[in-house]
Protein backbone atom coordinates (compact mmCIF):
# COMPACT_ATOMS: atom_id res chain seq x y z
CA UNK A 1 91.72 65.14 137.01
CA UNK A 2 93.67 66.22 133.89
CA UNK A 3 97.23 67.18 134.24
CA UNK A 4 97.80 70.02 132.16
CA UNK A 5 100.62 72.45 132.02
CA UNK A 6 100.80 75.65 130.65
CA UNK A 7 104.03 78.18 130.76
CA UNK A 8 102.14 80.92 130.44
CA UNK A 9 103.27 84.79 130.25
CA UNK A 10 99.83 86.81 131.95
CA UNK A 11 101.44 89.70 129.99
CA UNK A 12 100.39 87.92 126.51
CA UNK A 13 96.55 88.26 125.58
CA UNK A 14 97.20 85.04 123.78
CA UNK A 15 98.45 83.26 126.91
CA UNK A 16 95.78 84.56 129.23
CA UNK A 17 93.08 82.92 126.43
CA UNK A 18 94.49 79.60 126.03
CA UNK A 19 94.46 79.47 130.03
CA UNK A 20 91.05 80.31 130.32
CA UNK A 21 90.10 78.13 127.91
CA UNK A 22 91.51 75.47 129.78
CA UNK A 23 89.79 76.59 133.03
CA UNK A 24 86.65 76.53 131.04
CA UNK A 25 86.74 72.97 130.74
CA UNK A 26 86.74 72.67 134.28
CA UNK A 27 90.64 72.29 134.75
CA UNK A 28 93.02 73.53 136.80
CA UNK A 29 96.71 73.78 134.95
CA UNK A 30 99.76 73.74 136.28
CA UNK A 31 100.33 77.65 135.45
CA UNK A 32 104.60 77.83 134.77
CA UNK A 33 105.42 81.70 134.23
CA UNK A 34 108.20 80.78 132.43
CA UNK A 35 110.32 84.08 132.69
CA UNK A 36 110.42 83.82 136.01
CA UNK A 37 110.95 79.82 136.39
CA UNK A 38 112.68 79.29 133.02
CA UNK A 39 112.51 75.66 131.94
CA UNK A 40 115.76 73.41 132.06
CA UNK A 41 117.77 73.57 128.95
CA UNK A 42 116.90 69.40 128.60
CA UNK A 43 113.03 70.44 129.38
CA UNK A 44 112.70 72.76 126.96
CA UNK A 45 114.67 70.87 124.36
CA UNK A 46 111.95 67.47 125.22
CA UNK A 47 109.04 70.16 124.82
CA UNK A 48 109.77 71.21 121.18
CA UNK A 49 110.55 67.71 119.88
CA UNK A 50 107.53 66.59 121.13
CA UNK A 51 105.44 70.40 119.61
CA UNK A 52 107.00 68.68 116.35
CA UNK A 53 108.43 71.40 116.12
CA UNK A 54 112.27 72.87 115.39
CA UNK A 55 113.70 75.51 118.19
CA UNK A 56 114.12 78.34 115.06
CA UNK A 57 109.51 77.76 114.65
CA UNK A 58 109.37 78.70 118.82
CA UNK A 59 111.37 81.46 118.40
CA UNK A 60 109.46 84.84 119.49
CA UNK A 61 111.27 88.03 117.69
CA UNK A 62 108.31 90.35 118.35
CA UNK A 63 109.24 91.99 121.98
CA UNK A 64 112.44 90.15 121.87
CA UNK A 65 116.31 90.67 121.38
CA UNK A 66 115.71 88.20 118.87
CA UNK A 67 116.76 91.20 116.03
CA UNK A 68 119.75 92.29 118.33
CA UNK A 69 121.07 89.19 118.66
CA UNK A 70 121.11 87.75 114.76
CA UNK A 71 118.85 85.10 115.82
CA UNK A 72 117.42 85.42 111.72
CA UNK A 73 120.88 84.06 110.64
CA UNK A 74 120.10 80.48 108.44
CA UNK A 75 123.69 79.32 109.51
CA UNK A 76 122.28 79.54 113.75
CA UNK A 77 122.38 75.60 114.56
CA UNK A 78 119.17 75.07 116.92
CA UNK A 79 121.94 74.39 119.58
CA UNK A 80 122.94 77.82 119.65
CA UNK A 81 118.80 78.80 119.19
CA UNK A 82 118.12 76.79 122.48
CA UNK A 83 121.25 78.71 124.19
CA UNK A 84 120.46 82.10 123.25
CA UNK A 85 116.37 80.95 124.26
CA UNK A 86 118.30 79.70 127.84
CA UNK A 87 119.89 83.16 128.20
CA UNK A 88 117.21 85.24 127.03
CA UNK A 89 113.21 83.45 128.42
CA UNK A 90 111.77 85.83 126.41
CA UNK A 91 112.70 84.71 123.15
CA UNK A 92 110.27 81.26 123.95
CA UNK A 93 106.77 81.80 122.37
CA UNK A 94 104.25 81.56 124.53
CA UNK A 95 101.91 79.25 125.39
CA UNK A 96 103.12 76.56 124.86
CA UNK A 97 100.66 73.95 126.89
CA UNK A 98 101.67 70.30 127.54
CA UNK A 99 98.42 67.93 128.49
CA UNK A 100 98.30 64.01 127.91
CA UNK A 101 96.73 64.63 124.31
CA UNK A 102 100.65 66.19 123.60
CA UNK A 103 102.23 69.42 123.55
CA UNK A 104 101.88 72.50 121.52
CA UNK A 105 102.46 76.02 121.11
CA UNK A 106 99.21 77.58 121.12
CA UNK A 107 99.10 80.50 119.23
CA UNK A 108 96.21 81.02 117.74
CA UNK A 109 95.03 80.58 121.53
CA UNK A 110 91.98 78.19 120.63
CA UNK A 111 94.56 75.86 119.41
CA UNK A 112 94.45 74.59 122.72
CA UNK A 113 90.88 73.33 122.48
CA UNK A 114 93.09 70.38 120.68
CA UNK A 115 94.56 69.89 123.77
CA UNK A 116 91.90 69.64 126.12
CA UNK A 117 90.16 66.38 126.54
CA UNK A 118 87.42 67.62 128.74
CA UNK A 119 84.51 69.85 126.77
CA UNK A 120 84.42 72.94 127.52
CA UNK A 121 81.44 73.96 129.71
CA UNK A 122 79.98 77.10 127.89
CA UNK A 123 80.10 79.56 125.85
CA UNK A 124 84.06 81.84 125.91
CA UNK A 125 84.91 84.63 124.04
CA UNK A 126 88.87 85.83 123.48
CA UNK A 127 89.98 89.13 125.66
CA UNK A 128 89.17 90.94 121.86
CA UNK A 129 85.65 90.00 121.67
CA UNK A 130 86.24 86.95 119.52
CA UNK A 131 83.60 84.07 120.04
CA UNK A 132 85.51 80.82 120.51
CA UNK A 133 83.20 78.48 121.78
CA UNK A 134 79.12 78.74 121.96
CA UNK A 135 77.09 78.56 124.80
CA UNK A 136 76.45 74.78 124.46
CA UNK A 137 79.71 74.66 124.87
CA UNK A 138 80.71 73.59 121.07
CA UNK A 139 83.70 75.16 119.40
CA UNK A 140 82.47 78.15 116.90
CA UNK A 141 84.11 77.58 113.54
CA UNK A 142 86.70 80.71 112.53
CA UNK A 143 84.23 83.44 110.27
CA UNK A 144 80.99 82.18 111.74
């Protein structure tokens, strides 16, 4: 059994699509609704580091208090940005996925395919109808 964790927001289409692709591979991940159960500071910092990203790169702007908090100022330190995410978990971009193959912010949602160590079980289309996986379980190249 593969152990995958998804930091998920059920209100987010990208997050729902990533979760569905994990399940399409026959894997039931650990789903953490991070708005209800935010990660600890140490875990968040570890996830950011393991994803090879900076705190600024993982900040979500749309639909958050990003602008109101002045988080666009380049002089803010990584610690200050993490402080803001701890105070306002909605600022953590999603979905963050952890698997034996790594940690990644899966935007667009098909980025999750790089973290799933199992084949897709069949065709998959995102909520908007975009086909991502064909009937043979193979990834469809963008624009195909």
